[in-house]
Amino acid sequence: MVTIKVAVYYFVRVINMLILARVLMSWFVKDLRNPIAMFIYQITEPILSPIRDLLKKLGIGGTMLDFSPIVALLLIQFIASIIYNL
């Protein structure tokens, strides 16, 4: 059970770092053909896209600010905390 918690911990850390990297890339990197940028985009888009769609349905998204990374980070932390406490 301890190894599952450790694996979840590191998985959450990596996903969080990738989401934060994507946020920073959106401010600075304009060429998404870069292999590193493409990798980060491909890993994080399946997480962020459904959240972005849900926020648009709720009337929160669709503006110039994308709140999906914030929601994703909070949601991932919430799910991880549930798994940690099992």
PDB file of N, CA and C in Angstrom:
ATOM      1  N   MET A   1       0.819  -1.195   0.000  1.00  0.00           N
ATOM      2  CA  MET A   1       0.000   0.000   0.000  1.00  0.00           C
ATOM      3  C   MET A   1       0.861   1.258   0.000  1.00  0.00           C
ATOM      4  N   VAL A   2       1.990   1.180   0.669  1.00  0.00           N
ATOM      5  CA  VAL A   2       2.884   2.325   0.730  1.00  0.00           C
ATOM      6  C   VAL A   2       3.431   2.637  -0.661  1.00  0.00           C
ATOM      7  N   THR A   3       3.744   1.614  -1.440  1.00  0.00           N
ATOM      8  CA  THR A   3       4.291   1.863  -2.771  1.00  0.00           C
ATOM      9  C   THR A   3       3.262   2.519  -3.690  1.00  0.00           C
ATOM     10  N   ILE A   4       1.991   2.204  -3.512  1.00  0.00           N
ATOM     11  CA  ILE A   4       0.955   2.844  -4.310  1.00  0.00           C
ATOM     12  C   ILE A   4       0.871   4.325  -3.956  1.00  0.00           C
ATOM     13  N   LYS A   5       0.958   4.637  -2.678  1.00  0.00           N
ATOM     14  CA  LYS A   5       0.921   6.040  -2.251  1.00  0.00           C
ATOM     15  C   LYS A   5       2.126   6.808  -2.776  1.00  0.00           C
ATOM     16  N   VAL A   6       3.277   6.185  -2.764  1.00  0.00           N
ATOM     17  CA  VAL A   6       4.482   6.835  -3.285  1.00  0.00           C
ATOM     18  C   VAL A   6       4.361   7.047  -4.788  1.00  0.00           C
ATOM     19  N   ALA A   7       3.852   6.047  -5.500  1.00  0.00           N
ATOM     20  CA  ALA A   7       3.669   6.176  -6.948  1.00  0.00           C
ATOM     21  C   ALA A   7       2.668   7.284  -7.272  1.00  0.00           C
ATOM     22  N   VAL A   8       1.578   7.346  -6.526  1.00  0.00           N
ATOM     23  CA  VAL A   8       0.581   8.403  -6.738  1.00  0.00           C
ATOM     24  C   VAL A   8       1.196   9.765  -6.436  1.00  0.00           C
ATOM     25  N   TYR A   9       1.970   9.844  -5.381  1.00  0.00           N
ATOM     26  CA  TYR A   9       2.629  11.101  -5.012  1.00  0.00           C
ATOM     27  C   TYR A   9       3.502  11.614  -6.154  1.00  0.00           C
ATOM     28  N   TYR A  10       4.350  10.752  -6.694  1.00  0.00           N
ATOM     29  CA  TYR A  10       5.246  11.178  -7.770  1.00  0.00           C
ATOM     30  C   TYR A  10       4.483  11.457  -9.062  1.00  0.00           C
ATOM     31  N   PHE A  11       3.454  10.680  -9.343  1.00  0.00           N
ATOM     32  CA  PHE A  11       2.634  10.931 -10.525  1.00  0.00           C
ATOM     33  C   PHE A  11       1.971  12.303 -10.437  1.00  0.00           C
ATOM     34  N   VAL A  12       1.414  12.618  -9.284  1.00  0.00           N
ATOM     35  CA  VAL A  12       0.770  13.914  -9.078  1.00  0.00           C
ATOM     36  C   VAL A  12       1.785  15.039  -9.212  1.00  0.00           C
ATOM     37  N   ARG A  13       2.959  14.851  -8.660  1.00  0.00           N
ATOM     38  CA  ARG A  13       4.008  15.876  -8.776  1.00  0.00           C
ATOM     39  C   ARG A  13       4.381  16.132 -10.227  1.00  0.00           C
ATOM     40  N   VAL A  14       4.542  15.070 -10.997  1.00  0.00           N
ATOM     41  CA  VAL A  14       4.923  15.213 -12.411  1.00  0.00           C
ATOM     42  C   VAL A  14       3.811  15.909 -13.189  1.00  0.00           C
ATOM     43  N   ILE A  15       2.576  15.493 -12.992  1.00  0.00           N
ATOM     44  CA  ILE A  15       1.453  16.108 -13.696  1.00  0.00           C
ATOM     45  C   ILE A  15       1.330  17.580 -13.315  1.00  0.00           C
ATOM     46  N   ASN A  16       1.468  17.896 -12.044  1.00  0.00           N
ATOM     47  CA  ASN A  16       1.413  19.292 -11.615  1.00  0.00           C
ATOM     48  C   ASN A  16       2.503  20.124 -12.274  1.00  0.00           C
ATOM     49  N   MET A  17       3.707  19.593 -12.331  1.00  0.00           N
ATOM     50  CA  MET A  17       4.810  20.319 -12.964  1.00  0.00           C
ATOM     51  C   MET A  17       4.555  20.514 -14.456  1.00  0.00           C
ATOM     52  N   LEU A  18       4.001  19.503 -15.111  1.00  0.00           N
ATOM     53  CA  LEU A  18       3.706  19.628 -16.535  1.00  0.00           C
ATOM     54  C   LEU A  18       2.617  20.670 -16.791  1.00  0.00           C
ATOM     55  N   ILE A  19       1.609  20.709 -15.942  1.00  0.00           N
ATOM     56  CA  ILE A  19       0.558  21.719 -16.097  1.00  0.00           C
ATOM     57  C   ILE A  19       1.130  23.120 -15.872  1.00  0.00           C
ATOM     58  N   LEU A  20       1.957  23.262 -14.857  1.00  0.00           N
ATOM     59  CA  LEU A  20       2.583  24.562 -14.609  1.00  0.00           C
ATOM     60  C   LEU A  20       3.511  24.953 -15.754  1.00  0.00           C
ATOM     61  N   ALA A  21       4.223  23.987 -16.310  1.00  0.00           N
ATOM     62  CA  ALA A  21       5.083  24.268 -17.461  1.00  0.00           C
ATOM     63  C   ALA A  21       4.245  24.725 -18.645  1.00  0.00           C
ATOM     64  N   ARG A  22       3.097  24.103 -18.833  1.00  0.00           N
ATOM     65  CA  ARG A  22       2.227  24.506 -19.942  1.00  0.00           C
ATOM     66  C   ARG A  22       1.715  25.927 -19.752  1.00  0.00           C
ATOM     67  N   VAL A  23       1.376  26.289 -18.526  1.00  0.00           N
ATOM     68  CA  VAL A  23       0.928  27.660 -18.254  1.00  0.00           C
ATOM     69  C   VAL A  23       2.043  28.644 -18.588  1.00  0.00           C
ATOM     70  N   LEU A  24       3.247  28.347 -18.141  1.00  0.00           N
ATOM     71  CA  LEU A  24       4.382  29.228 -18.441  1.00  0.00           C
ATOM     72  C   LEU A  24       4.666  29.279 -19.937  1.00  0.00           C
ATOM     73  N   MET A  25       4.530  28.140 -20.602  1.00  0.00           N
ATOM     74  CA  MET A  25       4.753  28.107 -22.052  1.00  0.00           C
ATOM     75  C   MET A  25       3.735  28.979 -22.773  1.00  0.00           C
ATOM     76  N   SER A  26       2.521  29.028 -22.282  1.00  0.00           N
ATOM     77  CA  SER A  26       1.501  29.837 -22.952  1.00  0.00           C
ATOM     78  C   SER A  26       1.862  31.322 -22.910  1.00  0.00           C
ATOM     79  N   TRP A  27       2.664  31.714 -21.932  1.00  0.00           N
ATOM     80  CA  TRP A  27       3.081  33.100 -21.844  1.00  0.00           C
ATOM     81  C   TRP A  27       4.314  33.395 -22.698  1.00  0.00           C
ATOM     82  N   PHE A  28       5.218  32.421 -22.820  1.00  0.00           N
ATOM     83  CA  PHE A  28       6.516  32.701 -23.427  1.00  0.00           C
ATOM     84  C   PHE A  28       6.790  31.977 -24.738  1.00  0.00           C
ATOM     85  N   VAL A  29       6.343  30.761 -24.900  1.00  0.00           N
ATOM     86  CA  VAL A  29       6.671  29.957 -26.078  1.00  0.00           C
ATOM     87  C   VAL A  29       5.582  30.144 -27.123  1.00  0.00           C
ATOM     88  N   LYS A  30       5.977  30.602 -28.280  1.00  0.00           N
ATOM     89  CA  LYS A  30       5.002  30.807 -29.350  1.00  0.00           C
ATOM     90  C   LYS A  30       5.080  29.715 -30.411  1.00  0.00           C
ATOM     91  N   ASP A  31       6.161  28.947 -30.421  1.00  0.00           N
ATOM     92  CA  ASP A  31       6.337  27.891 -31.413  1.00  0.00           C
ATOM     93  C   ASP A  31       6.047  26.546 -30.754  1.00  0.00           C
ATOM     94  N   LEU A  32       4.847  26.018 -30.990  1.00  0.00           N
ATOM     95  CA  LEU A  32       4.465  24.744 -30.375  1.00  0.00           C
ATOM     96  C   LEU A  32       4.982  23.539 -31.162  1.00  0.00           C
ATOM     97  N   ARG A  33       5.779  23.780 -32.197  1.00  0.00           N
ATOM     98  CA  ARG A  33       6.376  22.665 -32.937  1.00  0.00           C
ATOM     99  C   ARG A  33       7.630  22.138 -32.246  1.00  0.00           C
ATOM    100  N   ASN A  34       8.045  22.817 -31.209  1.00  0.00           N
ATOM    101  CA  ASN A  34       9.173  22.359 -30.406  1.00  0.00           C
ATOM    102  C   ASN A  34       8.802  21.004 -29.802  1.00  0.00           C
ATOM    103  N   PRO A  35       9.695  19.996 -29.881  1.00  0.00           N
ATOM    104  CA  PRO A  35       9.350  18.662 -29.361  1.00  0.00           C
ATOM    105  C   PRO A  35       8.974  18.653 -27.881  1.00  0.00           C
ATOM    106  N   ILE A  36       9.636  19.468 -27.088  1.00  0.00           N
ATOM    107  CA  ILE A  36       9.308  19.515 -25.656  1.00  0.00           C
ATOM    108  C   ILE A  36       7.929  20.129 -25.459  1.00  0.00           C
ATOM    109  N   ALA A  37       7.642  21.211 -26.179  1.00  0.00           N
ATOM    110  CA  ALA A  37       6.330  21.856 -26.081  1.00  0.00           C
ATOM    111  C   ALA A  37       5.237  20.906 -26.549  1.00  0.00           C
ATOM    112  N   MET A  38       5.491  20.181 -27.628  1.00  0.00           N
ATOM    113  CA  MET A  38       4.504  19.224 -28.125  1.00  0.00           C
ATOM    114  C   MET A  38       4.252  18.124 -27.103  1.00  0.00           C
ATOM    115  N   PHE A  39       5.313  17.629 -26.458  1.00  0.00           N
ATOM    116  CA  PHE A  39       5.171  16.582 -25.444  1.00  0.00           C
ATOM    117  C   PHE A  39       4.310  17.079 -24.279  1.00  0.00           C
ATOM    118  N   ILE A  40       4.621  18.268 -23.779  1.00  0.00           N
ATOM    119  CA  ILE A  40       3.866  18.817 -22.652  1.00  0.00           C
ATOM    120  C   ILE A  40       2.402  19.033 -23.044  1.00  0.00           C
ATOM    121  N   TYR A  41       2.181  19.531 -24.249  1.00  0.00           N
ATOM    122  CA  TYR A  41       0.819  19.750 -24.722  1.00  0.00           C
ATOM    123  C   TYR A  41       0.061  18.423 -24.823  1.00  0.00           C
ATOM    124  N   GLN A  42       0.698  17.392 -25.372  1.00  0.00           N
ATOM    125  CA  GLN A  42       0.036  16.095 -25.545  1.00  0.00           C
ATOM    126  C   GLN A  42      -0.278  15.424 -24.207  1.00  0.00           C
ATOM    127  N   ILE A  43       0.550  15.642 -23.204  1.00  0.00           N
ATOM    128  CA  ILE A  43       0.313  15.036 -21.891  1.00  0.00           C
ATOM    129  C   ILE A  43      -0.786  15.783 -21.134  1.00  0.00           C
ATOM    130  N   THR A  44      -0.793  17.106 -21.226  1.00  0.00           N
ATOM    131  CA  THR A  44      -1.720  17.887 -20.401  1.00  0.00           C
ATOM    132  C   THR A  44      -3.075  18.135 -21.059  1.00  0.00           C
ATOM    133  N   GLU A  45      -3.155  18.092 -22.371  1.00  0.00           N
ATOM    134  CA  GLU A  45      -4.418  18.397 -23.045  1.00  0.00           C
ATOM    135  C   GLU A  45      -5.546  17.434 -22.676  1.00  0.00           C
ATOM    136  N   PRO A  46      -5.300  16.118 -22.548  1.00  0.00           N
ATOM    137  CA  PRO A  46      -6.400  15.230 -22.121  1.00  0.00           C
ATOM    138  C   PRO A  46      -6.929  15.540 -20.717  1.00  0.00           C
ATOM    139  N   ILE A  47      -6.135  16.196 -19.908  1.00  0.00           N
ATOM    140  CA  ILE A  47      -6.579  16.582 -18.566  1.00  0.00           C
ATOM    141  C   ILE A  47      -7.318  17.913 -18.630  1.00  0.00           C
ATOM    142  N   LEU A  48      -6.764  18.869 -19.367  1.00  0.00           N
ATOM    143  CA  LEU A  48      -7.307  20.221 -19.372  1.00  0.00           C
ATOM    144  C   LEU A  48      -8.533  20.388 -20.269  1.00  0.00           C
ATOM    145  N   SER A  49      -8.595  19.665 -21.359  1.00  0.00           N
ATOM    146  CA  SER A  49      -9.682  19.845 -22.317  1.00  0.00           C
ATOM    147  C   SER A  49     -11.071  19.568 -21.723  1.00  0.00           C
ATOM    148  N   PRO A  50     -11.279  18.448 -21.018  1.00  0.00           N
ATOM    149  CA  PRO A  50     -12.618  18.224 -20.429  1.00  0.00           C
ATOM    150  C   PRO A  50     -12.986  19.276 -19.379  1.00  0.00           C
ATOM    151  N   ILE A  51     -11.988  19.728 -18.636  1.00  0.00           N
ATOM    152  CA  ILE A  51     -12.251  20.761 -17.628  1.00  0.00           C
ATOM    153  C   ILE A  51     -12.609  22.071 -18.321  1.00  0.00           C
ATOM    154  N   ARG A  52     -11.895  22.400 -19.395  1.00  0.00           N
ATOM    155  CA  ARG A  52     -12.181  23.609 -20.169  1.00  0.00           C
ATOM    156  C   ARG A  52     -13.597  23.561 -20.736  1.00  0.00           C
ATOM    157  N   ASP A  53     -13.992  22.402 -21.265  1.00  0.00           N
ATOM    158  CA  ASP A  53     -15.349  22.246 -21.800  1.00  0.00           C
ATOM    159  C   ASP A  53     -16.404  22.404 -20.711  1.00  0.00           C
ATOM    160  N   LEU A  54     -16.150  21.822 -19.540  1.00  0.00           N
ATOM    161  CA  LEU A  54     -17.088  21.942 -18.424  1.00  0.00           C
ATOM    162  C   LEU A  54     -17.217  23.392 -17.972  1.00  0.00           C
ATOM    163  N   LEU A  55     -16.109  24.109 -17.906  1.00  0.00           N
ATOM    164  CA  LEU A  55     -16.155  25.512 -17.499  1.00  0.00           C
ATOM    165  C   LEU A  55     -16.929  26.355 -18.512  1.00  0.00           C
ATOM    166  N   LYS A  56     -16.788  26.035 -19.792  1.00  0.00           N
ATOM    167  CA  LYS A  56     -17.558  26.760 -20.811  1.00  0.00           C
ATOM    168  C   LYS A  56     -19.052  26.503 -20.645  1.00  0.00           C
ATOM    169  N   LYS A  57     -19.427  25.261 -20.337  1.00  0.00           N
ATOM    170  CA  LYS A  57     -20.846  24.940 -20.123  1.00  0.00           C
ATOM    171  C   LYS A  57     -21.405  25.653 -18.902  1.00  0.00           C
ATOM    172  N   LEU A  58     -20.541  25.848 -17.901  1.00  0.00           N
ATOM    173  CA  LEU A  58     -20.978  26.541 -16.689  1.00  0.00           C
ATOM    174  C   LEU A  58     -20.957  28.058 -16.854  1.00  0.00           C
ATOM    175  N   GLY A  59     -20.449  28.529 -17.993  1.00  0.00           N
ATOM    176  CA  GLY A  59     -20.392  29.962 -18.244  1.00  0.00           C
ATOM    177  C   GLY A  59     -19.199  30.648 -17.629  1.00  0.00           C
ATOM    178  N   ILE A  60     -18.234  29.873 -17.167  1.00  0.00           N
ATOM    179  CA  ILE A  60     -17.046  30.444 -16.536  1.00  0.00           C
ATOM    180  C   ILE A  60     -15.918  30.595 -17.558  1.00  0.00           C
ATOM    181  N   GLY A  61     -15.802  29.636 -18.451  1.00  0.00           N
ATOM    182  CA  GLY A  61     -14.710  29.646 -19.417  1.00  0.00           C
ATOM    183  C   GLY A  61     -15.072  30.385 -20.675  1.00  0.00           C
ATOM    184  N   GLY A  62     -14.159  30.298 -21.644  1.00  0.00           N
ATOM    185  CA  GLY A  62     -14.388  30.918 -22.931  1.00  0.00           C
ATOM    186  C   GLY A  62     -13.949  32.362 -22.988  1.00  0.00           C
ATOM    187  N   THR A  63     -13.311  32.833 -21.941  1.00  0.00           N
ATOM    188  CA  THR A  63     -12.810  34.200 -21.940  1.00  0.00           C
ATOM    189  C   THR A  63     -11.323  34.182 -22.290  1.00  0.00           C
ATOM    190  N   MET A  64     -10.685  35.311 -22.150  1.00  0.00           N
ATOM    191  CA  MET A  64      -9.256  35.377 -22.464  1.00  0.00           C
ATOM    192  C   MET A  64      -8.416  34.632 -21.430  1.00  0.00           C
ATOM    193  N   LEU A  65      -8.949  34.463 -20.238  1.00  0.00           N
ATOM    194  CA  LEU A  65      -8.243  33.725 -19.198  1.00  0.00           C
ATOM    195  C   LEU A  65      -8.743  32.286 -19.167  1.00  0.00           C
ATOM    196  N   ASP A  66      -7.801  31.367 -19.139  1.00  0.00           N
ATOM    197  CA  ASP A  66      -8.146  29.946 -19.085  1.00  0.00           C
ATOM    198  C   ASP A  66      -7.968  29.472 -17.643  1.00  0.00           C
ATOM    199  N   PHE A  67      -9.079  29.166 -16.997  1.00  0.00           N
ATOM    200  CA  PHE A  67      -9.043  28.729 -15.602  1.00  0.00           C
ATOM    201  C   PHE A  67      -8.879  27.220 -15.462  1.00  0.00           C
ATOM    202  N   SER A  68      -8.843  26.505 -16.573  1.00  0.00           N
ATOM    203  CA  SER A  68      -8.767  25.047 -16.501  1.00  0.00           C
ATOM    204  C   SER A  68      -7.492  24.537 -15.810  1.00  0.00           C
ATOM    205  N   PRO A  69      -6.325  25.167 -15.956  1.00  0.00           N
ATOM    206  CA  PRO A  69      -5.173  24.659 -15.197  1.00  0.00           C
ATOM    207  C   PRO A  69      -5.350  24.769 -13.684  1.00  0.00           C
ATOM    208  N   ILE A  70      -5.970  25.845 -13.234  1.00  0.00           N
ATOM    209  CA  ILE A  70      -6.195  26.022 -11.793  1.00  0.00           C
ATOM    210  C   ILE A  70      -7.145  24.948 -11.280  1.00  0.00           C
ATOM    211  N   VAL A  71      -8.232  24.742 -12.009  1.00  0.00           N
ATOM    212  CA  VAL A  71      -9.204  23.729 -11.613  1.00  0.00           C
ATOM    213  C   VAL A  71      -8.567  22.343 -11.650  1.00  0.00           C
ATOM    214  N   ALA A  72      -7.766  22.081 -12.683  1.00  0.00           N
ATOM    215  CA  ALA A  72      -7.110  20.778 -12.795  1.00  0.00           C
ATOM    216  C   ALA A  72      -6.160  20.538 -11.628  1.00  0.00           C
ATOM    217  N   LEU A  73      -5.372  21.538 -11.273  1.00  0.00           N
ATOM    218  CA  LEU A  73      -4.446  21.375 -10.144  1.00  0.00           C
ATOM    219  C   LEU A  73      -5.209  21.110  -8.850  1.00  0.00           C
ATOM    220  N   LEU A  74      -6.275  21.844  -8.629  1.00  0.00           N
ATOM    221  CA  LEU A  74      -7.077  21.622  -7.414  1.00  0.00           C
ATOM    222  C   LEU A  74      -7.732  20.250  -7.413  1.00  0.00           C
ATOM    223  N   LEU A  75      -8.273  19.849  -8.553  1.00  0.00           N
ATOM    224  CA  LEU A  75      -8.926  18.546  -8.661  1.00  0.00           C
ATOM    225  C   LEU A  75      -7.933  17.402  -8.465  1.00  0.00           C
ATOM    226  N   ILE A  76      -6.768  17.518  -9.063  1.00  0.00           N
ATOM    227  CA  ILE A  76      -5.742  16.480  -8.912  1.00  0.00           C
ATOM    228  C   ILE A  76      -5.300  16.385  -7.457  1.00  0.00           C
ATOM    229  N   GLN A  77      -5.111  17.532  -6.806  1.00  0.00           N
ATOM    230  CA  GLN A  77      -4.721  17.515  -5.398  1.00  0.00           C
ATOM    231  C   GLN A  77      -5.813  16.894  -4.529  1.00  0.00           C
ATOM    232  N   PHE A  78      -7.066  17.185  -4.832  1.00  0.00           N
ATOM    233  CA  PHE A  78      -8.172  16.617  -4.065  1.00  0.00           C
ATOM    234  C   PHE A  78      -8.221  15.099  -4.213  1.00  0.00           C
ATOM    235  N   ILE A  79      -8.122  14.620  -5.436  1.00  0.00           N
ATOM    236  CA  ILE A  79      -8.153  13.171  -5.678  1.00  0.00           C
ATOM    237  C   ILE A  79      -6.945  12.496  -5.028  1.00  0.00           C
ATOM    238  N   ALA A  80      -5.781  13.131  -5.131  1.00  0.00           N
ATOM    239  CA  ALA A  80      -4.581  12.559  -4.518  1.00  0.00           C
ATOM    240  C   ALA A  80      -4.718  12.503  -2.992  1.00  0.00           C
ATOM    241  N   SER A  81      -5.311  13.530  -2.395  1.00  0.00           N
ATOM    242  CA  SER A  81      -5.462  13.509  -0.941  1.00  0.00           C
ATOM    243  C   SER A  81      -6.394  12.393  -0.492  1.00  0.00           C
ATOM    244  N   ILE A  82      -7.403  12.113  -1.300  1.00  0.00           N
ATOM    245  CA  ILE A  82      -8.294  10.977  -0.983  1.00  0.00           C
ATOM    246  C   ILE A  82      -7.508   9.671  -1.040  1.00  0.00           C
ATOM    247  N   ILE A  83      -6.678   9.510  -2.058  1.00  0.00           N
ATOM    248  CA  ILE A  83      -5.887   8.287  -2.195  1.00  0.00           C
ATOM    249  C   ILE A  83      -4.863   8.178  -1.073  1.00  0.00           C
ATOM    250  N   TYR A  84      -4.233   9.312  -0.696  1.00  0.00           N
ATOM    251  CA  TYR A  84      -3.253   9.279   0.392  1.00  0.00           C
ATOM    252  C   TYR A  84      -3.873   8.830   1.701  1.00  0.00           C
ATOM    253  N   ASN A  85      -5.128   9.203   1.941  1.00  0.00           N
ATOM    254  CA  ASN A  85      -5.774   8.915   3.216  1.00  0.00           C
ATOM    255  C   ASN A  85      -6.440   7.547   3.276  1.00  0.00           C
ATOM    256  N   LEU A  86      -6.332   6.763   2.239  1.00  0.00           N
ATOM    257  CA  LEU A  86      -6.905   5.411   2.271  1.00  0.00           C
ATOM    258  C   LEU A  86      -6.107   4.496   3.173  1.00  0.00           C
TER     259      LEU A  86
END
